[in-house]
Amino acid sequence: MNATRPVAGVPSRSPGITWAYAYQIVPPQTRRQLRAVTTLIDQEHIAAKNRSHTWAGRLVLGARMTRILIVSDSLERCRKVNRKLEAQLKQLDVGYSVTAPVALPGSAASS
């Protein structure tokens, strides 16, 4: 599992920058197995909107792995939602890794 820290030299929350990263779960899981994770993702998306933050997640089922794609206005993976998400994955006893965040095209970091 990757460390939970922002990228060196980049502020954790920068105006106009949108970041994407993914949780990669191996072996792949079914939507039913990840029901609690899906509920958490949906709840956090609503909560982020209410706080005027960008945070969205999407479950992507695949033949070799399942991914949870995250789009956020913050590089920090130590946010409450990430701790909850990682706790859910540990409770399900699934192996996972987290990709490095990348700035999305069209955000301030990629201009």
PDB file of N, CA and C in Angstrom:
ATOM      1  N   MET A   1       0.845  -1.167   0.000  1.00  0.00           N
ATOM      2  CA  MET A   1       0.000   0.000   0.000  1.00  0.00           C
ATOM      3  C   MET A   1       0.890   1.229   0.000  1.00  0.00           C
ATOM      4  N   ASN A   2       0.509   2.257  -0.748  1.00  0.00           N
ATOM      5  CA  ASN A   2       1.279   3.480  -0.843  1.00  0.00           C
ATOM      6  C   ASN A   2       1.152   4.315   0.407  1.00  0.00           C
ATOM      7  N   ALA A   3       2.128   5.165   0.650  1.00  0.00           N
ATOM      8  CA  ALA A   3       2.089   6.058   1.804  1.00  0.00           C
ATOM      9  C   ALA A   3       1.007   7.107   1.615  1.00  0.00           C
ATOM     10  N   THR A   4       0.550   7.628   2.729  1.00  0.00           N
ATOM     11  CA  THR A   4      -0.496   8.644   2.696  1.00  0.00           C
ATOM     12  C   THR A   4       0.138  10.002   2.927  1.00  0.00           C
ATOM     13  N   ARG A   5       0.632  10.606   1.855  1.00  0.00           N
ATOM     14  CA  ARG A   5       1.220  11.930   1.983  1.00  0.00           C
ATOM     15  C   ARG A   5       1.128  12.660   0.654  1.00  0.00           C
ATOM     16  N   PRO A   6       1.083  13.995   0.729  1.00  0.00           N
ATOM     17  CA  PRO A   6       0.996  14.755  -0.514  1.00  0.00           C
ATOM     18  C   PRO A   6       2.304  14.680  -1.309  1.00  0.00           C
ATOM     19  N   VAL A   7       2.236  15.047  -2.567  1.00  0.00           N
ATOM     20  CA  VAL A   7       3.404  15.078  -3.427  1.00  0.00           C
ATOM     21  C   VAL A   7       4.313  16.225  -2.983  1.00  0.00           C
ATOM     22  N   ALA A   8       5.610  15.975  -2.879  1.00  0.00           N
ATOM     23  CA  ALA A   8       6.566  16.974  -2.425  1.00  0.00           C
ATOM     24  C   ALA A   8       6.546  18.203  -3.323  1.00  0.00           C
ATOM     25  N   GLY A   9       6.544  19.365  -2.706  1.00  0.00           N
ATOM     26  CA  GLY A   9       6.606  20.616  -3.440  1.00  0.00           C
ATOM     27  C   GLY A   9       5.290  21.098  -4.016  1.00  0.00           C
ATOM     28  N   VAL A  10       4.212  20.356  -3.816  1.00  0.00           N
ATOM     29  CA  VAL A  10       2.911  20.750  -4.342  1.00  0.00           C
ATOM     30  C   VAL A  10       1.955  20.921  -3.168  1.00  0.00           C
ATOM     31  N   PRO A  11       1.308  22.079  -3.051  1.00  0.00           N
ATOM     32  CA  PRO A  11       0.357  22.251  -1.956  1.00  0.00           C
ATOM     33  C   PRO A  11      -0.731  21.189  -2.018  1.00  0.00           C
ATOM     34  N   SER A  12      -1.234  20.765  -0.854  1.00  0.00           N
ATOM     35  CA  SER A  12      -2.232  19.701  -0.832  1.00  0.00           C
ATOM     36  C   SER A  12      -3.554  20.138  -1.443  1.00  0.00           C
ATOM     37  N   ARG A  13      -3.882  21.403  -1.363  1.00  0.00           N
ATOM     38  CA  ARG A  13      -5.116  21.889  -1.974  1.00  0.00           C
ATOM     39  C   ARG A  13      -4.810  23.174  -2.717  1.00  0.00           C
ATOM     40  N   SER A  14      -4.854  23.118  -4.013  1.00  0.00           N
ATOM     41  CA  SER A  14      -4.526  24.264  -4.840  1.00  0.00           C
ATOM     42  C   SER A  14      -5.749  24.672  -5.633  1.00  0.00           C
ATOM     43  N   PRO A  15      -6.075  25.967  -5.620  1.00  0.00           N
ATOM     44  CA  PRO A  15      -7.243  26.415  -6.371  1.00  0.00           C
ATOM     45  C   PRO A  15      -7.132  26.065  -7.850  1.00  0.00           C
ATOM     46  N   GLY A  16      -8.178  25.477  -8.384  1.00  0.00           N
ATOM     47  CA  GLY A  16      -8.227  25.192  -9.805  1.00  0.00           C
ATOM     48  C   GLY A  16      -7.568  23.899 -10.241  1.00  0.00           C
ATOM     49  N   ILE A  17      -6.907  23.202  -9.335  1.00  0.00           N
ATOM     50  CA  ILE A  17      -6.261  21.950  -9.707  1.00  0.00           C
ATOM     51  C   ILE A  17      -7.158  20.796  -9.278  1.00  0.00           C
ATOM     52  N   THR A  18      -7.400  19.896 -10.203  1.00  0.00           N
ATOM     53  CA  THR A  18      -8.186  18.706  -9.909  1.00  0.00           C
ATOM     54  C   THR A  18      -7.287  17.500 -10.118  1.00  0.00           C
ATOM     55  N   TRP A  19      -7.275  16.627  -9.135  1.00  0.00           N
ATOM     56  CA  TRP A  19      -6.397  15.470  -9.123  1.00  0.00           C
ATOM     57  C   TRP A  19      -7.199  14.188  -9.294  1.00  0.00           C
ATOM     58  N   ALA A  20      -6.577  13.184  -9.878  1.00  0.00           N
ATOM     59  CA  ALA A  20      -7.207  11.871 -10.012  1.00  0.00           C
ATOM     60  C   ALA A  20      -6.225  10.810  -9.542  1.00  0.00           C
ATOM     61  N   TYR A  21      -6.759   9.811  -8.859  1.00  0.00           N
ATOM     62  CA  TYR A  21      -5.980   8.656  -8.457  1.00  0.00           C
ATOM     63  C   TYR A  21      -6.941   7.486  -8.333  1.00  0.00           C
ATOM     64  N   ALA A  22      -6.399   6.295  -8.163  1.00  0.00           N
ATOM     65  CA  ALA A  22      -7.261   5.116  -8.122  1.00  0.00           C
ATOM     66  C   ALA A  22      -6.804   4.132  -7.061  1.00  0.00           C
ATOM     67  N   TYR A  23      -7.777   3.533  -6.422  1.00  0.00           N
ATOM     68  CA  TYR A  23      -7.545   2.356  -5.591  1.00  0.00           C
ATOM     69  C   TYR A  23      -7.676   1.165  -6.539  1.00  0.00           C
ATOM     70  N   GLN A  24      -6.715   0.278  -6.515  1.00  0.00           N
ATOM     71  CA  GLN A  24      -6.731  -0.901  -7.376  1.00  0.00           C
ATOM     72  C   GLN A  24      -6.856  -2.128  -6.485  1.00  0.00           C
ATOM     73  N   ILE A  25      -7.924  -2.893  -6.689  1.00  0.00           N
ATOM     74  CA  ILE A  25      -8.230  -4.040  -5.837  1.00  0.00           C
ATOM     75  C   ILE A  25      -8.006  -5.329  -6.627  1.00  0.00           C
ATOM     76  N   VAL A  26      -7.159  -6.203  -6.076  1.00  0.00           N
ATOM     77  CA  VAL A  26      -6.867  -7.484  -6.701  1.00  0.00           C
ATOM     78  C   VAL A  26      -6.996  -8.553  -5.625  1.00  0.00           C
ATOM     79  N   PRO A  27      -7.733  -9.624  -5.876  1.00  0.00           N
ATOM     80  CA  PRO A  27      -8.462  -9.957  -7.095  1.00  0.00           C
ATOM     81  C   PRO A  27      -9.702  -9.091  -7.239  1.00  0.00           C
ATOM     82  N   PRO A  28     -10.279  -9.072  -8.447  1.00  0.00           N
ATOM     83  CA  PRO A  28     -11.465  -8.243  -8.684  1.00  0.00           C
ATOM     84  C   PRO A  28     -12.620  -8.650  -7.774  1.00  0.00           C
ATOM     85  N   GLN A  29     -13.440  -7.670  -7.452  1.00  0.00           N
ATOM     86  CA  GLN A  29     -14.598  -7.870  -6.584  1.00  0.00           C
ATOM     87  C   GLN A  29     -15.868  -7.547  -7.360  1.00  0.00           C
ATOM     88  N   THR A  30     -16.974  -8.081  -6.894  1.00  0.00           N
ATOM     89  CA  THR A  30     -18.256  -7.775  -7.527  1.00  0.00           C
ATOM     90  C   THR A  30     -18.856  -6.522  -6.905  1.00  0.00           C
ATOM     91  N   ARG A  31     -19.799  -5.933  -7.605  1.00  0.00           N
ATOM     92  CA  ARG A  31     -20.504  -4.763  -7.090  1.00  0.00           C
ATOM     93  C   ARG A  31     -21.174  -5.104  -5.752  1.00  0.00           C
ATOM     94  N   ARG A  32     -21.706  -6.322  -5.671  1.00  0.00           N
ATOM     95  CA  ARG A  32     -22.377  -6.751  -4.434  1.00  0.00           C
ATOM     96  C   ARG A  32     -21.383  -6.813  -3.267  1.00  0.00           C
ATOM     97  N   GLN A  33     -20.197  -7.341  -3.517  1.00  0.00           N
ATOM     98  CA  GLN A  33     -19.178  -7.426  -2.470  1.00  0.00           C
ATOM     99  C   GLN A  33     -18.754  -6.045  -1.977  1.00  0.00           C
ATOM    100  N   LEU A  34     -18.827  -5.063  -2.850  1.00  0.00           N
ATOM    101  CA  LEU A  34     -18.382  -3.708  -2.519  1.00  0.00           C
ATOM    102  C   LEU A  34     -19.551  -2.752  -2.251  1.00  0.00           C
ATOM    103  N   ARG A  35     -20.697  -3.299  -1.896  1.00  0.00           N
ATOM    104  CA  ARG A  35     -21.887  -2.477  -1.651  1.00  0.00           C
ATOM    105  C   ARG A  35     -21.625  -1.372  -0.612  1.00  0.00           C
ATOM    106  N   ALA A  36     -20.971  -1.720   0.492  1.00  0.00           N
ATOM    107  CA  ALA A  36     -20.692  -0.726   1.536  1.00  0.00           C
ATOM    108  C   ALA A  36     -19.748   0.362   1.018  1.00  0.00           C
ATOM    109  N   VAL A  37     -18.799  -0.029   0.183  1.00  0.00           N
ATOM    110  CA  VAL A  37     -17.871   0.939  -0.412  1.00  0.00           C
ATOM    111  C   VAL A  37     -18.632   1.886  -1.340  1.00  0.00           C
ATOM    112  N   THR A  38     -19.528   1.341  -2.143  1.00  0.00           N
ATOM    113  CA  THR A  38     -20.324   2.164  -3.057  1.00  0.00           C
ATOM    114  C   THR A  38     -21.185   3.162  -2.279  1.00  0.00           C
ATOM    115  N   THR A  39     -21.773   2.713  -1.186  1.00  0.00           N
ATOM    116  CA  THR A  39     -22.577   3.602  -0.345  1.00  0.00           C
ATOM    117  C   THR A  39     -21.716   4.729   0.214  1.00  0.00           C
ATOM    118  N   LEU A  40     -20.533   4.403   0.697  1.00  0.00           N
ATOM    119  CA  LEU A  40     -19.611   5.410   1.218  1.00  0.00           C
ATOM    120  C   LEU A  40     -19.230   6.421   0.139  1.00  0.00           C
ATOM    121  N   ILE A  41     -18.937   5.949  -1.053  1.00  0.00           N
ATOM    122  CA  ILE A  41     -18.585   6.841  -2.162  1.00  0.00           C
ATOM    123  C   ILE A  41     -19.737   7.799  -2.455  1.00  0.00           C
ATOM    124  N   ASP A  42     -20.945   7.280  -2.537  1.00  0.00           N
ATOM    125  CA  ASP A  42     -22.119   8.121  -2.817  1.00  0.00           C
ATOM    126  C   ASP A  42     -22.325   9.170  -1.731  1.00  0.00           C
ATOM    127  N   GLN A  43     -22.195   8.769  -0.475  1.00  0.00           N
ATOM    128  CA  GLN A  43     -22.379   9.708   0.640  1.00  0.00           C
ATOM    129  C   GLN A  43     -21.328  10.803   0.628  1.00  0.00           C
ATOM    130  N   GLU A  44     -20.081  10.439   0.365  1.00  0.00           N
ATOM    131  CA  GLU A  44     -19.015  11.437   0.356  1.00  0.00           C
ATOM    132  C   GLU A  44     -19.158  12.404  -0.807  1.00  0.00           C
ATOM    133  N   HIS A  45     -19.617  11.930  -1.939  1.00  0.00           N
ATOM    134  CA  HIS A  45     -19.829  12.820  -3.077  1.00  0.00           C
ATOM    135  C   HIS A  45     -20.823  13.916  -2.694  1.00  0.00           C
ATOM    136  N   ILE A  46     -21.913  13.536  -2.053  1.00  0.00           N
ATOM    137  CA  ILE A  46     -22.923  14.506  -1.613  1.00  0.00           C
ATOM    138  C   ILE A  46     -22.334  15.452  -0.568  1.00  0.00           C
ATOM    139  N   ALA A  47     -21.609  14.907   0.392  1.00  0.00           N
ATOM    140  CA  ALA A  47     -21.010  15.731   1.447  1.00  0.00           C
ATOM    141  C   ALA A  47     -20.012  16.733   0.865  1.00  0.00           C
ATOM    142  N   ALA A  48     -19.216  16.313  -0.094  1.00  0.00           N
ATOM    143  CA  ALA A  48     -18.235  17.216  -0.715  1.00  0.00           C
ATOM    144  C   ALA A  48     -18.947  18.355  -1.442  1.00  0.00           C
ATOM    145  N   LYS A  49     -20.031  18.049  -2.133  1.00  0.00           N
ATOM    146  CA  LYS A  49     -20.803  19.100  -2.814  1.00  0.00           C
ATOM    147  C   LYS A  49     -21.316  20.122  -1.815  1.00  0.00           C
ATOM    148  N   ASN A  50     -21.805  19.642  -0.675  1.00  0.00           N
ATOM    149  CA  ASN A  50     -22.324  20.536   0.358  1.00  0.00           C
ATOM    150  C   ASN A  50     -21.232  21.403   0.964  1.00  0.00           C
ATOM    151  N   ARG A  51     -19.991  20.956   0.926  1.00  0.00           N
ATOM    152  CA  ARG A  51     -18.860  21.718   1.468  1.00  0.00           C
ATOM    153  C   ARG A  51     -18.128  22.499   0.378  1.00  0.00           C
ATOM    154  N   SER A  52     -18.651  22.501  -0.831  1.00  0.00           N
ATOM    155  CA  SER A  52     -18.022  23.175  -1.973  1.00  0.00           C
ATOM    156  C   SER A  52     -16.620  22.643  -2.262  1.00  0.00           C
ATOM    157  N   HIS A  53     -16.471  21.344  -2.125  1.00  0.00           N
ATOM    158  CA  HIS A  53     -15.218  20.676  -2.469  1.00  0.00           C
ATOM    159  C   HIS A  53     -15.462  19.788  -3.676  1.00  0.00           C
ATOM    160  N   THR A  54     -14.364  19.405  -4.312  1.00  0.00           N
ATOM    161  CA  THR A  54     -14.453  18.424  -5.377  1.00  0.00           C
ATOM    162  C   THR A  54     -14.000  17.095  -4.819  1.00  0.00           C
ATOM    163  N   TRP A  55     -14.876  16.136  -4.851  1.00  0.00           N
ATOM    164  CA  TRP A  55     -14.536  14.755  -4.492  1.00  0.00           C
ATOM    165  C   TRP A  55     -15.597  13.862  -5.097  1.00  0.00           C
ATOM    166  N   ALA A  56     -15.166  12.950  -5.934  1.00  0.00           N
ATOM    167  CA  ALA A  56     -16.094  12.000  -6.536  1.00  0.00           C
ATOM    168  C   ALA A  56     -15.359  10.682  -6.726  1.00  0.00           C
ATOM    169  N   GLY A  57     -16.080   9.608  -6.571  1.00  0.00           N
ATOM    170  CA  GLY A  57     -15.510   8.288  -6.767  1.00  0.00           C
ATOM    171  C   GLY A  57     -16.408   7.460  -7.665  1.00  0.00           C
ATOM    172  N   ARG A  58     -15.801   6.535  -8.353  1.00  0.00           N
ATOM    173  CA  ARG A  58     -16.567   5.651  -9.233  1.00  0.00           C
ATOM    174  C   ARG A  58     -15.942   4.267  -9.190  1.00  0.00           C
ATOM    175  N   LEU A  59     -16.787   3.288  -9.010  1.00  0.00           N
ATOM    176  CA  LEU A  59     -16.372   1.892  -8.997  1.00  0.00           C
ATOM    177  C   LEU A  59     -16.310   1.391 -10.439  1.00  0.00           C
ATOM    178  N   VAL A  60     -15.177   0.806 -10.822  1.00  0.00           N
ATOM    179  CA  VAL A  60     -14.999   0.273 -12.172  1.00  0.00           C
ATOM    180  C   VAL A  60     -14.634  -1.205 -12.036  1.00  0.00           C
ATOM    181  N   LEU A  61     -15.552  -2.056 -12.467  1.00  0.00           N
ATOM    182  CA  LEU A  61     -15.334  -3.497 -12.383  1.00  0.00           C
ATOM    183  C   LEU A  61     -14.572  -3.968 -13.609  1.00  0.00           C
ATOM    184  N   GLY A  62     -13.578  -4.800 -13.383  1.00  0.00           N
ATOM    185  CA  GLY A  62     -12.790  -5.318 -14.491  1.00  0.00           C
ATOM    186  C   GLY A  62     -12.498  -6.792 -14.305  1.00  0.00           C
ATOM    187  N   ALA A  63     -12.001  -7.424 -15.351  1.00  0.00           N
ATOM    188  CA  ALA A  63     -11.710  -8.854 -15.312  1.00  0.00           C
ATOM    189  C   ALA A  63     -10.468  -9.162 -14.465  1.00  0.00           C
ATOM    190  N   ARG A  64      -9.505  -8.243 -14.436  1.00  0.00           N
ATOM    191  CA  ARG A  64      -8.258  -8.488 -13.707  1.00  0.00           C
ATOM    192  C   ARG A  64      -8.179  -7.773 -12.370  1.00  0.00           C
ATOM    193  N   MET A  65      -8.901  -6.675 -12.240  1.00  0.00           N
ATOM    194  CA  MET A  65      -8.921  -5.926 -10.990  1.00  0.00           C
ATOM    195  C   MET A  65     -10.149  -5.030 -10.962  1.00  0.00           C
ATOM    196  N   THR A  66     -10.477  -4.602  -9.782  1.00  0.00           N
ATOM    197  CA  THR A  66     -11.537  -3.608  -9.603  1.00  0.00           C
ATOM    198  C   THR A  66     -10.844  -2.310  -9.233  1.00  0.00           C
ATOM    199  N   ARG A  67     -11.318  -1.228  -9.786  1.00  0.00           N
ATOM    200  CA  ARG A  67     -10.735   0.086  -9.472  1.00  0.00           C
ATOM    201  C   ARG A  67     -11.798   0.983  -8.853  1.00  0.00           C
ATOM    202  N   ILE A  68     -11.348   1.811  -7.958  1.00  0.00           N
ATOM    203  CA  ILE A  68     -12.175   2.900  -7.448  1.00  0.00           C
ATOM    204  C   ILE A  68     -11.459   4.165  -7.897  1.00  0.00           C
ATOM    205  N   LEU A  69     -12.009   4.827  -8.895  1.00  0.00           N
ATOM    206  CA  LEU A  69     -11.403   6.045  -9.422  1.00  0.00           C
ATOM    207  C   LEU A  69     -11.866   7.227  -8.583  1.00  0.00           C
ATOM    208  N   ILE A  70     -10.924   8.051  -8.162  1.00  0.00           N
ATOM    209  CA  ILE A  70     -11.213   9.212  -7.321  1.00  0.00           C
ATOM    210  C   ILE A  70     -10.769  10.473  -8.043  1.00  0.00           C
ATOM    211  N   VAL A  71     -11.620  11.490  -8.009  1.00  0.00           N
ATOM    212  CA  VAL A  71     -11.288  12.821  -8.504  1.00  0.00           C
ATOM    213  C   VAL A  71     -11.472  13.765  -7.321  1.00  0.00           C
ATOM    214  N   SER A  72     -10.451  14.584  -7.063  1.00  0.00           N
ATOM    215  CA  SER A  72     -10.481  15.412  -5.864  1.00  0.00           C
ATOM    216  C   SER A  72      -9.749  16.728  -6.080  1.00  0.00           C
ATOM    217  N   ASP A  73     -10.080  17.705  -5.243  1.00  0.00           N
ATOM    218  CA  ASP A  73      -9.358  18.976  -5.272  1.00  0.00           C
ATOM    219  C   ASP A  73      -8.193  18.954  -4.282  1.00  0.00           C
ATOM    220  N   SER A  74      -7.892  17.801  -3.728  1.00  0.00           N
ATOM    221  CA  SER A  74      -6.824  17.676  -2.738  1.00  0.00           C
ATOM    222  C   SER A  74      -5.955  16.462  -3.038  1.00  0.00           C
ATOM    223  N   LEU A  75      -4.670  16.611  -2.811  1.00  0.00           N
ATOM    224  CA  LEU A  75      -3.735  15.494  -2.957  1.00  0.00           C
ATOM    225  C   LEU A  75      -3.728  14.601  -1.726  1.00  0.00           C
ATOM    226  N   GLU A  76      -4.237  15.091  -0.639  1.00  0.00           N
ATOM    227  CA  GLU A  76      -4.149  14.363   0.620  1.00  0.00           C
ATOM    228  C   GLU A  76      -5.047  13.136   0.626  1.00  0.00           C
ATOM    229  N   ARG A  77      -4.427  11.995   0.941  1.00  0.00           N
ATOM    230  CA  ARG A  77      -5.205  10.773   1.098  1.00  0.00           C
ATOM    231  C   ARG A  77      -5.474  10.506   2.565  1.00  0.00           C
ATOM    232  N   CYS A  78      -5.144  11.451   3.430  1.00  0.00           N
ATOM    233  CA  CYS A  78      -5.408  11.259   4.849  1.00  0.00           C
ATOM    234  C   CYS A  78      -6.745  11.895   5.230  1.00  0.00           C
ATOM    235  N   ARG A  79      -7.527  12.318   4.251  1.00  0.00           N
ATOM    236  CA  ARG A  79      -8.848  12.859   4.530  1.00  0.00           C
ATOM    237  C   ARG A  79      -9.717  11.771   5.145  1.00  0.00           C
ATOM    238  N   LYS A  80     -10.717  12.207   5.846  1.00  0.00           N
ATOM    239  CA  LYS A  80     -11.609  11.279   6.544  1.00  0.00           C
ATOM    240  C   LYS A  80     -12.195  10.234   5.593  1.00  0.00           C
ATOM    241  N   VAL A  81     -12.598  10.657   4.408  1.00  0.00           N
ATOM    242  CA  VAL A  81     -13.201   9.709   3.464  1.00  0.00           C
ATOM    243  C   VAL A  81     -12.213   8.632   3.048  1.00  0.00           C
ATOM    244  N   ASN A  82     -10.947   8.998   2.867  1.00  0.00           N
ATOM    245  CA  ASN A  82      -9.955   8.000   2.486  1.00  0.00           C
ATOM    246  C   ASN A  82      -9.722   7.005   3.619  1.00  0.00           C
ATOM    247  N   ARG A  83      -9.689   7.498   4.844  1.00  0.00           N
ATOM    248  CA  ARG A  83      -9.527   6.583   5.985  1.00  0.00           C
ATOM    249  C   ARG A  83     -10.713   5.631   6.077  1.00  0.00           C
ATOM    250  N   LYS A  84     -11.925   6.146   5.841  1.00  0.00           N
ATOM    251  CA  LYS A  84     -13.118   5.290   5.866  1.00  0.00           C
ATOM    252  C   LYS A  84     -13.076   4.262   4.739  1.00  0.00           C
ATOM    253  N   LEU A  85     -12.698   4.713   3.559  1.00  0.00           N
ATOM    254  CA  LEU A  85     -12.634   3.824   2.399  1.00  0.00           C
ATOM    255  C   LEU A  85     -11.610   2.710   2.630  1.00  0.00           C
ATOM    256  N   GLU A  86     -10.445   3.082   3.120  1.00  0.00           N
ATOM    257  CA  GLU A  86      -9.403   2.091   3.369  1.00  0.00           C
ATOM    258  C   GLU A  86      -9.800   1.140   4.500  1.00  0.00           C
ATOM    259  N   ALA A  87     -10.522   1.639   5.498  1.00  0.00           N
ATOM    260  CA  ALA A  87     -11.021   0.774   6.577  1.00  0.00           C
ATOM    261  C   ALA A  87     -12.026  -0.239   6.023  1.00  0.00           C
ATOM    262  N   GLN A  88     -12.892   0.212   5.114  1.00  0.00           N
ATOM    263  CA  GLN A  88     -13.856  -0.703   4.491  1.00  0.00           C
ATOM    264  C   GLN A  88     -13.140  -1.795   3.699  1.00  0.00           C
ATOM    265  N   LEU A  89     -12.123  -1.409   2.949  1.00  0.00           N
ATOM    266  CA  LEU A  89     -11.378  -2.389   2.148  1.00  0.00           C
ATOM    267  C   LEU A  89     -10.657  -3.394   3.047  1.00  0.00           C
ATOM    268  N   LYS A  90     -10.107  -2.908   4.150  1.00  0.00           N
ATOM    269  CA  LYS A  90      -9.446  -3.816   5.092  1.00  0.00           C
ATOM    270  C   LYS A  90     -10.456  -4.759   5.722  1.00  0.00           C
ATOM    271  N   GLN A  91     -11.632  -4.239   6.050  1.00  0.00           N
ATOM    272  CA  GLN A  91     -12.683  -5.069   6.645  1.00  0.00           C
ATOM    273  C   GLN A  91     -13.114  -6.173   5.668  1.00  0.00           C
ATOM    274  N   LEU A  92     -13.131  -5.848   4.389  1.00  0.00           N
ATOM    275  CA  LEU A  92     -13.475  -6.838   3.366  1.00  0.00           C
ATOM    276  C   LEU A  92     -12.321  -7.807   3.102  1.00  0.00           C
ATOM    277  N   ASP A  93     -11.155  -7.494   3.673  1.00  0.00           N
ATOM    278  CA  ASP A  93      -9.966  -8.339   3.535  1.00  0.00           C
ATOM    279  C   ASP A  93      -9.560  -8.512   2.071  1.00  0.00           C
ATOM    280  N   VAL A  94      -9.511  -7.381   1.360  1.00  0.00           N
ATOM    281  CA  VAL A  94      -9.072  -7.399  -0.034  1.00  0.00           C
ATOM    282  C   VAL A  94      -7.733  -6.673  -0.155  1.00  0.00           C
ATOM    283  N   GLY A  95      -6.900  -7.164  -1.049  1.00  0.00           N
ATOM    284  CA  GLY A  95      -5.638  -6.502  -1.317  1.00  0.00           C
ATOM    285  C   GLY A  95      -5.859  -5.310  -2.227  1.00  0.00           C
ATOM    286  N   TYR A  96      -5.197  -4.201  -1.927  1.00  0.00           N
ATOM    287  CA  TYR A  96      -5.348  -3.016  -2.772  1.00  0.00           C
ATOM    288  C   TYR A  96      -4.073  -2.190  -2.755  1.00  0.00           C
ATOM    289  N   SER A  97      -3.930  -1.384  -3.764  1.00  0.00           N
ATOM    290  CA  SER A  97      -2.857  -0.396  -3.838  1.00  0.00           C
ATOM    291  C   SER A  97      -3.493   0.901  -4.316  1.00  0.00           C
ATOM    292  N   VAL A  98      -2.747   1.986  -4.210  1.00  0.00           N
ATOM    293  CA  VAL A  98      -3.261   3.296  -4.616  1.00  0.00           C
ATOM    294  C   VAL A  98      -2.258   3.923  -5.575  1.00  0.00           C
ATOM    295  N   THR A  99      -2.756   4.400  -6.696  1.00  0.00           N
ATOM    296  CA  THR A  99      -1.878   5.032  -7.685  1.00  0.00           C
ATOM    297  C   THR A  99      -1.477   6.427  -7.214  1.00  0.00           C
ATOM    298  N   ALA A 100      -0.434   6.946  -7.792  1.00  0.00           N
ATOM    299  CA  ALA A 100      -0.023   8.325  -7.524  1.00  0.00           C
ATOM    300  C   ALA A 100      -1.042   9.268  -8.156  1.00  0.00           C
ATOM    301  N   PRO A 101      -1.318  10.399  -7.514  1.00  0.00           N
ATOM    302  CA  PRO A 101      -2.260  11.349  -8.095  1.00  0.00           C
ATOM    303  C   PRO A 101      -1.671  12.051  -9.316  1.00  0.00           C
ATOM    304  N   VAL A 102      -2.526  12.338 -10.278  1.00  0.00           N
ATOM    305  CA  VAL A 102      -2.119  13.099 -11.458  1.00  0.00           C
ATOM    306  C   VAL A 102      -3.096  14.254 -11.649  1.00  0.00           C
ATOM    307  N   ALA A 103      -2.582  15.379 -12.119  1.00  0.00           N
ATOM    308  CA  ALA A 103      -3.434  16.532 -12.411  1.00  0.00           C
ATOM    309  C   ALA A 103      -4.231  16.237 -13.666  1.00  0.00           C
ATOM    310  N   LEU A 104      -5.497  16.544 -13.630  1.00  0.00           N
ATOM    311  CA  LEU A 104      -6.348  16.305 -14.786  1.00  0.00           C
ATOM    312  C   LEU A 104      -6.150  17.389 -15.831  1.00  0.00           C
ATOM    313  N   PRO A 105      -6.236  17.020 -17.102  1.00  0.00           N
ATOM    314  CA  PRO A 105      -6.144  18.020 -18.175  1.00  0.00           C
ATOM    315  C   PRO A 105      -7.199  19.107 -17.976  1.00  0.00           C
ATOM    316  N   GLY A 106      -6.785  20.327 -18.221  1.00  0.00           N
ATOM    317  CA  GLY A 106      -7.724  21.441 -18.082  1.00  0.00           C
ATOM    318  C   GLY A 106      -7.719  22.066 -16.713  1.00  0.00           C
ATOM    319  N   SER A 107      -7.054  21.432 -15.721  1.00  0.00           N
ATOM    320  CA  SER A 107      -6.964  22.050 -14.407  1.00  0.00           C
ATOM    321  C   SER A 107      -5.739  22.948 -14.401  1.00  0.00           C
ATOM    322  N   ALA A 108      -5.607  23.789 -13.401  1.00  0.00           N
ATOM    323  CA  ALA A 108      -4.540  24.778 -13.341  1.00  0.00           C
ATOM    324  C   ALA A 108      -3.147  24.152 -13.406  1.00  0.00           C
ATOM    325  N   ALA A 109      -2.958  22.950 -12.852  1.00  0.00           N
ATOM    326  CA  ALA A 109      -1.636  22.307 -12.825  1.00  0.00           C
ATOM    327  C   ALA A 109      -1.177  21.875 -14.202  1.00  0.00           C
ATOM    328  N   SER A 110      -2.102  21.590 -15.101  1.00  0.00           N
ATOM    329  CA  SER A 110      -1.696  21.113 -16.415  1.00  0.00           C
ATOM    330  C   SER A 110      -1.673  22.208 -17.460  1.00  0.00           C
ATOM    331  N   SER A 111      -1.986  23.433 -17.064  1.00  0.00           N
ATOM    332  CA  SER A 111      -2.013  24.547 -18.032  1.00  0.00           C
ATOM    333  C   SER A 111      -0.632  25.047 -18.318  1.00  0.00           C
TER     334      SER A 111
END
